[in-house]
Amino acid sequence: MSVTKEKFDHQKYYAERLASLWRKAPFVLRITEWKELQGPVLVVKERLEYVEKTNDVQASLDLEGVKKKGELVERGHSAGDPQRRCLPILRKIMERVTDQAGIPLDLQRYLTQEGLKLQVTLPLDEEAGAKLGLIFRLQERISDMDRVELIARRISRFTREEACYWLSRTTSFGADANRWAIVGLRVMLGGQSGDPGVEKMLERLRQG
C-alpha cells in the first residue's frame, strides 16, 4: 500500500514556525514584488544593531540617513534571470540556517515555485544573510549569466567571517569606497566578460 506524501503548507509553516523569528534576526530575506520588475523579487536586509559601530560604519550610516537602532537596511535584491540562475545555490545557503536549538528552519522550501508566490519575510543568520547580500550586490548590472553564477558559487563557499567582512567592504566605508569594492570583487570572483577562464572555473565548481 502506497503512502501519499502530504503537501507542504508554506503559509501554515510560516505562521507557526517562522513569523515570530524574523523580528530579531540579524538579516532577513523578503519575498516580494516590485512594479518595475517582473516576477518575485528577493530582498536582503540587515538589522543595524548587528553592525559594528566603528567611526567609518557610523559615518556611512549617517550619510544614508539611518539612525534608528534595529532598523532594517537593504543590502541587495535579485530578480529575473540572475535570480533564476542562482536559485539552486541560494537554496543550499539557506538550508543551513537553524533556530537557536540548532534545528533547521527549512527556509529553502520558500525558494521554490510555490514558495516564491508568497510575500513573506524570512529570518536569516549572519552567514546566510551576508552571503546573499553580497551575491545580490555583485550580480547587479552583470549581463553574463555565467559570471553571475560563478560569483554566487564562489561566495557560497565563503566562511561566515569572510562573507561578513566582504559585505562590510561594500556597504560601510562611504559611497566611493563601497563602489570600488564592488567593482574589484566582481573581477576577483567572476573575472571579466569573454574571459575563457570563467567557463572553466564554473565547470570545476559545478563538479565539486
C-alpha atoms as a PDB file:
ATOM      1  CA  MET A   1       0.000   0.000   0.000  1.00  0.00           C
ATOM      2  CA  SER A   2       1.486   3.314  -1.104  1.00  0.00           C
ATOM      3  CA  VAL A   3       1.541   6.276   1.236  1.00  0.00           C
ATOM      4  CA  THR A   4       0.642   9.673  -0.202  1.00  0.00           C
ATOM      5  CA  LYS A   5       3.095  12.344   0.901  1.00  0.00           C
ATOM      6  CA  GLU A   6       1.335  15.330   2.446  1.00  0.00           C
ATOM      7  CA  LYS A   7       1.837  18.580   0.534  1.00  0.00           C
ATOM      8  CA  PHE A   8       3.913  21.163   2.362  1.00  0.00           C
ATOM      9  CA  ASP A   9       1.760  24.079   3.527  1.00  0.00           C
ATOM     10  CA  HIS A  10       4.019  27.117   3.156  1.00  0.00           C
ATOM     11  CA  GLN A  11       1.628  29.582   4.780  1.00  0.00           C
ATOM     12  CA  LYS A  12       0.851  27.377   7.774  1.00  0.00           C
ATOM     13  CA  TYR A  13       4.515  26.569   8.383  1.00  0.00           C
ATOM     14  CA  TYR A  14       5.425  30.236   8.125  1.00  0.00           C
ATOM     15  CA  ALA A  15       2.756  31.284  10.617  1.00  0.00           C
ATOM     16  CA  GLU A  16       3.630  28.567  13.117  1.00  0.00           C
ATOM     17  CA  ARG A  17       7.420  28.379  12.769  1.00  0.00           C
ATOM     18  CA  LEU A  18       8.948  31.453  11.120  1.00  0.00           C
ATOM     19  CA  ALA A  19       6.782  34.546  11.548  1.00  0.00           C
ATOM     20  CA  SER A  20       7.960  35.219  15.099  1.00  0.00           C
ATOM     21  CA  LEU A  21      11.672  34.841  14.305  1.00  0.00           C
ATOM     22  CA  TRP A  22      12.471  37.475  11.707  1.00  0.00           C
ATOM     23  CA  ARG A  23      11.994  40.481  14.033  1.00  0.00           C
ATOM     24  CA  LYS A  24      15.138  39.543  15.970  1.00  0.00           C
ATOM     25  CA  ALA A  25      17.203  38.017  13.168  1.00  0.00           C
ATOM     26  CA  PRO A  26      20.427  39.791  12.122  1.00  0.00           C
ATOM     27  CA  PHE A  27      19.356  39.561   8.474  1.00  0.00           C
ATOM     28  CA  VAL A  28      16.066  38.881   6.723  1.00  0.00           C
ATOM     29  CA  LEU A  29      15.076  37.821   3.224  1.00  0.00           C
ATOM     30  CA  ARG A  30      11.866  39.298   1.872  1.00  0.00           C
ATOM     31  CA  ILE A  31      10.000  37.671  -0.978  1.00  0.00           C
ATOM     32  CA  THR A  32       8.010  40.453  -2.574  1.00  0.00           C
ATOM     33  CA  GLU A  33       7.000  42.131  -5.833  1.00  0.00           C
ATOM     34  CA  TRP A  34       8.115  45.434  -7.340  1.00  0.00           C
ATOM     35  CA  LYS A  35       6.181  47.221 -10.062  1.00  0.00           C
ATOM     36  CA  GLU A  36       9.305  47.860 -12.132  1.00  0.00           C
ATOM     37  CA  LEU A  37      10.421  44.206 -12.119  1.00  0.00           C
ATOM     38  CA  GLN A  38       8.719  41.076 -13.401  1.00  0.00           C
ATOM     39  CA  GLY A  39       8.215  38.085 -11.149  1.00  0.00           C
ATOM     40  CA  PRO A  40       9.190  37.684  -7.499  1.00  0.00           C
ATOM     41  CA  VAL A  41      11.913  39.874  -6.015  1.00  0.00           C
ATOM     42  CA  LEU A  42      14.259  38.682  -3.276  1.00  0.00           C
ATOM     43  CA  VAL A  43      15.440  41.469  -0.966  1.00  0.00           C
ATOM     44  CA  VAL A  44      18.109  41.020   1.706  1.00  0.00           C
ATOM     45  CA  LYS A  45      18.077  43.430   4.651  1.00  0.00           C
ATOM     46  CA  GLU A  46      20.470  43.758   7.580  1.00  0.00           C
ATOM     47  CA  ARG A  47      19.471  44.805  11.080  1.00  0.00           C
ATOM     48  CA  LEU A  48      21.653  47.710  12.174  1.00  0.00           C
ATOM     49  CA  GLU A  49      22.058  46.667  15.792  1.00  0.00           C
ATOM     50  CA  TYR A  50      24.222  43.808  14.485  1.00  0.00           C
ATOM     51  CA  VAL A  51      26.597  46.188  12.672  1.00  0.00           C
ATOM     52  CA  GLU A  52      29.852  47.007  14.447  1.00  0.00           C
ATOM     53  CA  LYS A  53      29.727  50.710  15.297  1.00  0.00           C
ATOM     54  CA  THR A  54      33.141  51.898  14.086  1.00  0.00           C
ATOM     55  CA  ASN A  55      33.604  55.501  13.056  1.00  0.00           C
ATOM     56  CA  ASP A  56      33.652  54.570   9.353  1.00  0.00           C
ATOM     57  CA  VAL A  57      30.498  52.486   9.662  1.00  0.00           C
ATOM     58  CA  GLN A  58      28.627  55.136  11.612  1.00  0.00           C
ATOM     59  CA  ALA A  59      29.669  57.814   9.143  1.00  0.00           C
ATOM     60  CA  SER A  60      28.335  55.827   6.200  1.00  0.00           C
ATOM     61  CA  LEU A  61      25.084  55.060   8.026  1.00  0.00           C
ATOM     62  CA  ASP A  62      24.617  58.743   8.822  1.00  0.00           C
ATOM     63  CA  LEU A  63      25.096  59.543   5.155  1.00  0.00           C
ATOM     64  CA  GLU A  64      22.276  57.137   4.326  1.00  0.00           C
ATOM     65  CA  GLY A  65      20.036  58.879   6.849  1.00  0.00           C
ATOM     66  CA  VAL A  66      19.775  55.777   9.033  1.00  0.00           C
ATOM     67  CA  LYS A  67      19.752  56.456  12.748  1.00  0.00           C
ATOM     68  CA  LYS A  68      17.289  54.095  14.407  1.00  0.00           C
ATOM     69  CA  LYS A  69      18.857  51.097  16.139  1.00  0.00           C
ATOM     70  CA  GLY A  70      17.344  47.849  14.939  1.00  0.00           C
ATOM     71  CA  GLU A  71      16.233  49.307  11.619  1.00  0.00           C
ATOM     72  CA  LEU A  72      16.458  47.031   8.576  1.00  0.00           C
ATOM     73  CA  VAL A  73      18.609  48.335   5.735  1.00  0.00           C
ATOM     74  CA  GLU A  74      18.585  46.824   2.254  1.00  0.00           C
ATOM     75  CA  ARG A  75      21.840  45.150   1.253  1.00  0.00           C
ATOM     76  CA  GLY A  76      20.786  43.856  -2.171  1.00  0.00           C
ATOM     77  CA  HIS A  77      18.000  42.392  -4.282  1.00  0.00           C
ATOM     78  CA  SER A  78      17.629  39.808  -7.019  1.00  0.00           C
ATOM     79  CA  ALA A  79      15.027  39.205  -9.729  1.00  0.00           C
ATOM     80  CA  GLY A  80      14.678  37.852 -13.254  1.00  0.00           C
ATOM     81  CA  ASP A  81      17.436  35.837 -14.928  1.00  0.00           C
ATOM     82  CA  PRO A  82      20.106  36.279 -12.207  1.00  0.00           C
ATOM     83  CA  GLN A  83      17.654  35.045  -9.586  1.00  0.00           C
ATOM     84  CA  ARG A  84      16.594  32.016 -11.628  1.00  0.00           C
ATOM     85  CA  ARG A  85      20.199  31.133 -12.445  1.00  0.00           C
ATOM     86  CA  CYS A  86      21.257  31.246  -8.796  1.00  0.00           C
ATOM     87  CA  LEU A  87      18.236  29.658  -7.078  1.00  0.00           C
ATOM     88  CA  PRO A  88      19.895  26.246  -6.521  1.00  0.00           C
ATOM     89  CA  ILE A  89      22.880  27.989  -4.904  1.00  0.00           C
ATOM     90  CA  LEU A  90      20.671  30.223  -2.763  1.00  0.00           C
ATOM     91  CA  ARG A  91      18.708  27.186  -1.558  1.00  0.00           C
ATOM     92  CA  LYS A  92      21.935  25.489  -0.451  1.00  0.00           C
ATOM     93  CA  ILE A  93      22.908  28.555   1.548  1.00  0.00           C
ATOM     94  CA  MET A  94      19.502  28.854   3.182  1.00  0.00           C
ATOM     95  CA  GLU A  95      19.101  25.192   4.093  1.00  0.00           C
ATOM     96  CA  ARG A  96      21.925  25.605   6.626  1.00  0.00           C
ATOM     97  CA  VAL A  97      20.004  28.212   8.668  1.00  0.00           C
ATOM     98  CA  THR A  98      18.807  26.861  12.034  1.00  0.00           C
ATOM     99  CA  ASP A  99      16.984  28.123  15.097  1.00  0.00           C
ATOM    100  CA  GLN A 100      18.737  28.664  18.448  1.00  0.00           C
ATOM    101  CA  ALA A 101      18.387  24.972  19.243  1.00  0.00           C
ATOM    102  CA  GLY A 102      20.203  24.016  16.041  1.00  0.00           C
ATOM    103  CA  ILE A 103      17.050  22.723  14.313  1.00  0.00           C
ATOM    104  CA  PRO A 104      16.937  23.535  10.557  1.00  0.00           C
ATOM    105  CA  LEU A 105      14.310  26.111   9.599  1.00  0.00           C
ATOM    106  CA  ASP A 106      13.792  24.637   6.100  1.00  0.00           C
ATOM    107  CA  LEU A 107      13.934  28.087   4.523  1.00  0.00           C
ATOM    108  CA  GLN A 108      14.929  26.612   1.168  1.00  0.00           C
ATOM    109  CA  ARG A 109      11.310  25.493   0.715  1.00  0.00           C
ATOM    110  CA  TYR A 110      10.407  29.126   0.037  1.00  0.00           C
ATOM    111  CA  LEU A 111      12.784  29.403  -2.925  1.00  0.00           C
ATOM    112  CA  THR A 112      10.578  27.105  -4.968  1.00  0.00           C
ATOM    113  CA  GLN A 113       7.817  27.677  -7.492  1.00  0.00           C
ATOM    114  CA  GLU A 114       5.173  27.563  -4.751  1.00  0.00           C
ATOM    115  CA  GLY A 115       7.160  29.423  -2.124  1.00  0.00           C
ATOM    116  CA  LEU A 116       8.015  32.323  -4.419  1.00  0.00           C
ATOM    117  CA  LYS A 117       4.300  33.020  -4.928  1.00  0.00           C
ATOM    118  CA  LEU A 118       4.088  34.244  -1.332  1.00  0.00           C
ATOM    119  CA  GLN A 119       5.093  37.591   0.136  1.00  0.00           C
ATOM    120  CA  VAL A 120       6.867  36.764   3.383  1.00  0.00           C
ATOM    121  CA  THR A 121       9.862  37.825   5.472  1.00  0.00           C
ATOM    122  CA  LEU A 122      12.269  35.014   6.356  1.00  0.00           C
ATOM    123  CA  PRO A 123      14.822  35.087   9.223  1.00  0.00           C
ATOM    124  CA  LEU A 124      18.463  34.651   8.238  1.00  0.00           C
ATOM    125  CA  ASP A 125      21.569  34.186  10.337  1.00  0.00           C
ATOM    126  CA  GLU A 126      24.711  36.279   9.787  1.00  0.00           C
ATOM    127  CA  GLU A 127      26.333  33.811   7.409  1.00  0.00           C
ATOM    128  CA  ALA A 128      23.350  33.321   5.100  1.00  0.00           C
ATOM    129  CA  GLY A 129      22.429  37.000   5.195  1.00  0.00           C
ATOM    130  CA  ALA A 130      25.931  38.208   4.392  1.00  0.00           C
ATOM    131  CA  LYS A 131      26.346  35.688   1.576  1.00  0.00           C
ATOM    132  CA  LEU A 132      23.006  36.517  -0.049  1.00  0.00           C
ATOM    133  CA  GLY A 133      23.565  40.247   0.373  1.00  0.00           C
ATOM    134  CA  LEU A 134      26.990  40.013  -1.238  1.00  0.00           C
ATOM    135  CA  ILE A 135      25.737  37.839  -4.111  1.00  0.00           C
ATOM    136  CA  PHE A 136      22.889  40.249  -4.847  1.00  0.00           C
ATOM    137  CA  ARG A 137      25.126  43.343  -4.689  1.00  0.00           C
ATOM    138  CA  LEU A 138      27.733  41.903  -7.021  1.00  0.00           C
ATOM    139  CA  GLN A 139      25.351  40.441  -9.623  1.00  0.00           C
ATOM    140  CA  GLU A 140      23.687  43.799 -10.252  1.00  0.00           C
ATOM    141  CA  ARG A 141      24.358  45.119 -13.799  1.00  0.00           C
ATOM    142  CA  ILE A 142      26.125  41.926 -14.935  1.00  0.00           C
ATOM    143  CA  SER A 143      24.526  40.584 -18.119  1.00  0.00           C
ATOM    144  CA  ASP A 144      26.757  37.487 -18.427  1.00  0.00           C
ATOM    145  CA  MET A 145      24.874  34.773 -16.518  1.00  0.00           C
ATOM    146  CA  ASP A 146      27.974  32.563 -16.314  1.00  0.00           C
ATOM    147  CA  ARG A 147      29.713  35.304 -14.356  1.00  0.00           C
ATOM    148  CA  VAL A 148      26.622  35.732 -12.171  1.00  0.00           C
ATOM    149  CA  GLU A 149      26.602  32.027 -11.328  1.00  0.00           C
ATOM    150  CA  LEU A 150      30.363  31.894 -10.807  1.00  0.00           C
ATOM    151  CA  ILE A 151      30.256  34.757  -8.317  1.00  0.00           C
ATOM    152  CA  ALA A 152      27.389  33.101  -6.428  1.00  0.00           C
ATOM    153  CA  ARG A 153      29.148  29.736  -6.272  1.00  0.00           C
ATOM    154  CA  ARG A 154      32.374  31.242  -5.016  1.00  0.00           C
ATOM    155  CA  ILE A 155      30.624  33.337  -2.359  1.00  0.00           C
ATOM    156  CA  SER A 156      28.643  30.288  -1.216  1.00  0.00           C
ATOM    157  CA  ARG A 157      31.990  28.730  -0.217  1.00  0.00           C
ATOM    158  CA  PHE A 158      32.977  31.651   1.986  1.00  0.00           C
ATOM    159  CA  THR A 159      33.131  31.222   5.731  1.00  0.00           C
ATOM    160  CA  ARG A 160      30.825  33.363   7.850  1.00  0.00           C
ATOM    161  CA  GLU A 161      33.724  35.663   8.700  1.00  0.00           C
ATOM    162  CA  GLU A 162      34.719  36.092   5.063  1.00  0.00           C
ATOM    163  CA  ALA A 163      31.163  36.822   3.945  1.00  0.00           C
ATOM    164  CA  CYS A 164      30.587  39.393   6.697  1.00  0.00           C
ATOM    165  CA  TYR A 165      33.935  41.073   6.056  1.00  0.00           C
ATOM    166  CA  TRP A 166      33.467  41.418   2.306  1.00  0.00           C
ATOM    167  CA  LEU A 167      29.880  42.568   2.629  1.00  0.00           C
ATOM    168  CA  SER A 168      31.031  45.276   5.038  1.00  0.00           C
ATOM    169  CA  ARG A 169      33.609  46.420   2.479  1.00  0.00           C
ATOM    170  CA  THR A 170      30.778  47.095   0.022  1.00  0.00           C
ATOM    171  CA  THR A 171      28.430  48.821   2.479  1.00  0.00           C
ATOM    172  CA  SER A 172      30.272  50.529   5.314  1.00  0.00           C
ATOM    173  CA  PHE A 173      33.027  52.815   4.045  1.00  0.00           C
ATOM    174  CA  GLY A 174      31.285  55.576   2.127  1.00  0.00           C
ATOM    175  CA  ALA A 175      29.800  55.666  -1.381  1.00  0.00           C
ATOM    176  CA  ASP A 176      33.056  55.784  -3.363  1.00  0.00           C
ATOM    177  CA  ALA A 177      34.907  53.110  -1.387  1.00  0.00           C
ATOM    178  CA  ASN A 178      31.834  50.870  -1.432  1.00  0.00           C
ATOM    179  CA  ARG A 179      31.577  51.228  -5.219  1.00  0.00           C
ATOM    180  CA  TRP A 180      35.262  50.451  -5.727  1.00  0.00           C
ATOM    181  CA  ALA A 181      34.974  47.351  -3.550  1.00  0.00           C
ATOM    182  CA  ILE A 182      32.036  46.079  -5.599  1.00  0.00           C
ATOM    183  CA  VAL A 183      33.887  46.611  -8.883  1.00  0.00           C
ATOM    184  CA  GLY A 184      37.000  44.883  -7.559  1.00  0.00           C
ATOM    185  CA  LEU A 185      35.117  41.917  -6.111  1.00  0.00           C
ATOM    186  CA  ARG A 186      33.217  41.377  -9.356  1.00  0.00           C
ATOM    187  CA  VAL A 187      36.503  40.882 -11.190  1.00  0.00           C
ATOM    188  CA  MET A 188      38.163  38.933  -8.376  1.00  0.00           C
ATOM    189  CA  LEU A 189      35.291  36.456  -8.069  1.00  0.00           C
ATOM    190  CA  GLY A 190      33.793  36.459 -11.564  1.00  0.00           C
ATOM    191  CA  GLY A 191      36.512  37.522 -13.978  1.00  0.00           C
ATOM    192  CA  GLN A 192      35.570  39.664 -16.953  1.00  0.00           C
ATOM    193  CA  SER A 193      33.077  39.124 -19.738  1.00  0.00           C
ATOM    194  CA  GLY A 194      34.509  37.000 -22.537  1.00  0.00           C
ATOM    195  CA  ASP A 195      37.310  35.536 -20.435  1.00  0.00           C
ATOM    196  CA  PRO A 196      37.523  31.760 -21.224  1.00  0.00           C
ATOM    197  CA  GLY A 197      38.609  31.159 -17.658  1.00  0.00           C
ATOM    198  CA  VAL A 198      35.092  31.944 -16.431  1.00  0.00           C
ATOM    199  CA  GLU A 199      33.584  28.853 -18.046  1.00  0.00           C
ATOM    200  CA  LYS A 200      36.496  26.641 -16.952  1.00  0.00           C
ATOM    201  CA  MET A 201      36.261  27.674 -13.307  1.00  0.00           C
ATOM    202  CA  LEU A 202      32.481  27.418 -13.335  1.00  0.00           C
ATOM    203  CA  GLU A 203      32.620  23.834 -14.596  1.00  0.00           C
ATOM    204  CA  ARG A 204      35.096  22.873 -11.858  1.00  0.00           C
ATOM    205  CA  LEU A 205      32.859  24.350  -9.173  1.00  0.00           C
ATOM    206  CA  ARG A 206      29.751  22.643 -10.538  1.00  0.00           C
ATOM    207  CA  GLN A 207      31.502  19.280 -10.368  1.00  0.00           C
ATOM    208  CA  GLY A 208      32.871  19.931  -6.876  1.00  0.00           C
END
